[in-house]
Protein backbone atom coordinates (compact mmCIF):
# COMPACT_ATOMS: atom_id res chain seq x y z
CA MET A 1 -88.39 -2.40 -115.82
CA ILE A 2 -89.30 -4.55 -112.82
CA GLU A 3 -85.75 -4.18 -111.48
CA ASP A 4 -85.99 -0.37 -111.76
CA PHE A 5 -88.68 -0.33 -109.08
CA ALA A 6 -87.68 -3.36 -107.00
CA ASP A 7 -86.68 -1.25 -103.96
CA SER A 8 -89.50 1.27 -104.16
CA PRO A 9 -91.72 1.51 -101.08
CA ASN A 10 -94.60 3.01 -103.11
CA GLN A 11 -94.29 1.54 -106.58
CA LEU A 12 -94.77 -2.00 -107.78
CA VAL A 13 -94.04 -3.17 -111.29
CA ALA A 14 -94.80 -6.86 -111.71
CA ASP A 15 -95.78 -9.44 -114.26
CA VAL A 16 -98.49 -12.04 -113.87
CA ASP A 17 -98.81 -15.37 -115.65
CA CYS A 18 -102.51 -15.46 -116.51
CA THR A 19 -102.27 -19.07 -117.64
CA GLY A 20 -100.79 -20.30 -114.37
CA GLU A 21 -100.99 -19.23 -110.75
CA GLY A 22 -102.16 -15.74 -111.70
CA GLU A 23 -105.24 -16.93 -113.60
CA GLN A 24 -107.69 -15.88 -110.86
CA LEU A 25 -106.08 -12.46 -110.54
CA CYS A 26 -106.39 -11.94 -114.29
CA ASP A 27 -110.03 -13.04 -114.20
CA ASP A 28 -110.73 -10.62 -111.33
CA PHE A 29 -109.37 -7.70 -113.36
CA GLY A 30 -110.94 -8.68 -116.69
CA ILE A 31 -107.70 -9.38 -118.49
CA GLU A 32 -108.49 -11.20 -121.71
CA GLY A 33 -105.67 -10.38 -124.12
CA PHE A 34 -101.93 -10.39 -123.72
CA PRO A 35 -99.95 -8.38 -123.04
CA THR A 36 -102.27 -6.23 -120.95
CA LEU A 37 -100.86 -3.43 -118.85
CA LYS A 38 -102.73 -2.10 -115.81
CA TRP A 39 -101.80 0.63 -113.39
CA GLY A 40 -103.12 2.49 -110.37
CA ASP A 41 -104.61 1.62 -107.03
CA PRO A 42 -104.67 -2.18 -106.64
CA SER A 43 -108.37 -2.04 -105.81
CA ASP A 44 -109.15 -0.01 -108.95
CA LEU A 45 -106.63 -0.80 -111.68
CA GLN A 46 -106.88 1.16 -114.92
CA ASP A 47 -105.92 0.17 -118.46
CA TYR A 48 -102.61 1.51 -119.72
CA ASN A 49 -102.84 2.72 -123.31
CA GLY A 50 -99.52 4.48 -123.79
CA GLY A 51 -96.41 3.57 -125.71
CA ARG A 52 -94.77 0.18 -125.20
CA SER A 53 -91.09 1.07 -125.49
CA TYR A 54 -88.93 0.95 -122.39
CA ASP A 55 -88.57 4.75 -122.42
CA ASP A 56 -92.36 5.23 -122.72
CA LEU A 57 -93.06 2.81 -119.89
CA LYS A 58 -90.34 4.23 -117.65
CA ALA A 59 -91.53 7.81 -118.14
CA PHE A 60 -95.12 6.80 -117.41
CA ALA A 61 -94.09 4.84 -114.31
CA ASP A 62 -91.96 7.69 -112.96
CA GLU A 63 -94.82 10.13 -113.46
CA ASN A 64 -97.80 8.02 -112.40
CA LEU A 65 -96.77 5.15 -110.16
CA LYS A 66 -97.13 6.87 -106.83
CA PRO A 67 -99.72 6.84 -104.08
CA LEU A 68 -103.00 8.05 -105.50
CA CYS A 69 -106.27 9.23 -104.12
CA SER A 70 -108.18 6.18 -102.95
CA VAL A 71 -110.10 4.84 -99.99
CA ALA A 72 -106.77 3.73 -98.52
CA ASN A 73 -105.13 7.11 -99.26
CA ILE A 74 -108.00 9.54 -98.69
CA ASP A 75 -105.58 12.24 -97.54
CA LEU A 76 -104.34 12.45 -101.15
CA CYS A 77 -107.83 13.22 -102.47
CA ASP A 78 -109.30 16.60 -103.29
CA ASN A 79 -112.44 17.69 -101.41
CA ASP A 80 -114.82 16.48 -104.12
CA LYS A 81 -113.29 13.00 -104.19
CA LYS A 82 -113.23 12.85 -100.36
CA ALA A 83 -116.93 13.72 -100.29
CA GLU A 84 -117.67 11.04 -102.88
CA ILE A 85 -115.76 8.40 -100.89
CA LYS A 86 -117.52 9.42 -97.66
CA LYS A 87 -120.91 9.24 -99.42
CA TYR A 88 -120.19 5.65 -100.44
CA GLN A 89 -118.85 4.78 -96.99
CA ARG A 90 -122.12 5.96 -95.39
CA MET A 91 -124.14 3.60 -97.58
CA THR A 92 -125.05 0.12 -96.42
CA LEU A 93 -123.16 -2.73 -98.05
CA THR A 94 -126.34 -3.88 -99.80
CA ALA A 95 -127.11 -0.40 -101.13
CA LEU A 96 -123.55 0.00 -102.35
CA GLU A 97 -123.59 -3.40 -104.05
CA ASP A 98 -126.89 -2.44 -105.73
CA GLU A 99 -125.30 0.78 -107.03
CA VAL A 100 -122.29 -1.14 -108.33
CA GLN A 101 -124.63 -3.57 -110.08
CA LYS A 102 -126.53 -0.66 -111.70
CA GLU A 103 -123.31 0.91 -112.94
CA GLU A 104 -121.98 -2.41 -114.24
CA GLN A 105 -125.32 -2.89 -116.03
CA LYS A 106 -124.71 0.43 -117.81
CA ILE A 107 -121.35 -0.88 -118.99
CA GLU A 108 -122.94 -4.13 -120.18
CA GLU A 109 -125.60 -2.16 -122.06
CA ALA A 110 -122.93 0.03 -123.68
CA LEU A 111 -120.99 -3.07 -124.75
CA LYS A 112 -124.13 -4.75 -126.06
CA SER A 113 -125.12 -1.64 -128.02
CA PHE A 114 -121.60 -1.38 -129.42
CA GLU A 115 -121.61 -5.02 -130.51
CA GLU A 116 -125.03 -4.66 -132.14
CA GLU A 117 -123.92 -1.58 -134.05
CA VAL A 118 -120.68 -3.25 -135.14
CA GLU A 119 -122.75 -6.19 -136.37
CA LYS A 120 -124.90 -3.77 -138.40
CA LEU A 121 -121.76 -2.16 -139.79
CA GLN A 122 -120.35 -5.57 -140.70
CA SER A 123 -123.57 -6.44 -142.50
CA LYS A 124 -123.53 -3.10 -144.34
CA TYR A 125 -119.86 -3.60 -145.24
CA GLU A 126 -120.62 -7.05 -146.66
CA SER A 127 -123.54 -5.65 -148.66
CA LEU A 128 -121.47 -2.75 -150.02
CA ASN A 129 -118.58 -5.07 -150.84
CA ALA A 130 -120.88 -7.44 -152.76
CA GLU A 131 -122.38 -4.49 -154.64
CA LYS A 132 -118.90 -3.19 -155.49
CA GLU A 133 -117.80 -6.63 -156.74
CA GLN A 134 -120.91 -6.85 -158.95
CA GLN A 135 -120.26 -3.39 -160.39
CA ILE A 136 -116.62 -4.21 -161.10
CA ALA A 137 -117.59 -7.51 -162.72
CA ALA A 138 -120.19 -5.72 -164.88
CA VAL A 139 -117.60 -3.16 -166.04
CA LYS A 140 -115.07 -5.87 -166.83
CA ASN A 141 -117.67 -7.99 -168.62
CA GLY A 142 -118.88 -4.90 -170.50
CA GLY A 143 -115.73 -4.74 -172.61
CA LEU A 144 -113.05 -3.17 -170.43
CA GLY A 145 -110.68 -6.08 -170.98
CA LEU A 146 -111.20 -6.03 -174.72
CA MET A 147 -110.66 -2.26 -174.85
CA LYS A 148 -107.37 -2.59 -172.96
CA SER A 149 -106.34 -5.41 -175.26
CA VAL A 150 -107.06 -3.31 -178.35
CA ILE A 151 -105.08 -0.37 -176.87
CA LYS A 152 -102.14 -2.67 -176.17
CA ASN A 153 -102.34 -4.10 -179.66
CA MET A 154 -102.56 -0.66 -181.26
CA SER A 155 -99.58 0.55 -179.20
CA ALA A 156 -97.55 -2.47 -180.30
CA GLU A 157 -98.46 -1.86 -183.97
CA LYS A 158 -97.46 1.80 -183.64
CA LYS A 159 -94.05 0.78 -182.24
CA ASP A 160 -93.57 -1.65 -185.11
CA GLU A 161 -94.29 1.14 -187.63
CA LEU A 162 -91.47 3.27 -186.20
């Protein structure tokens, strides 16, 4: 795949060793698991969630790996996106950093809420599983095994009679 785009002036397909020289780059983009595929403007990479076959990746790259609307390519943006970029460019660096911090806090809160809810689900799962195991044990201890044994024995006797 890398070779397919080696001569492209607008497209870059590359791999990064997150355990070696690329560790800082991976940290900067929040890469925690491997393999992780990212795409888009280098200053705003997005997660790739499509298929992993060569054909899937090639089709996605052909369709999406091109100059995109960004601060560096504002001429590719629609009017709404241009206005949004200009609004941010008019802000002071401190004000913009404060806004970024607020938005990142929203993400942290969403992640925290998700983790708390998953923890509740895990606790509920464990409780339900324990209850299920107790119910199954009660049924088995209540004579199910003996009933099955009697059925098997009766079936064997019936075969012997024939």
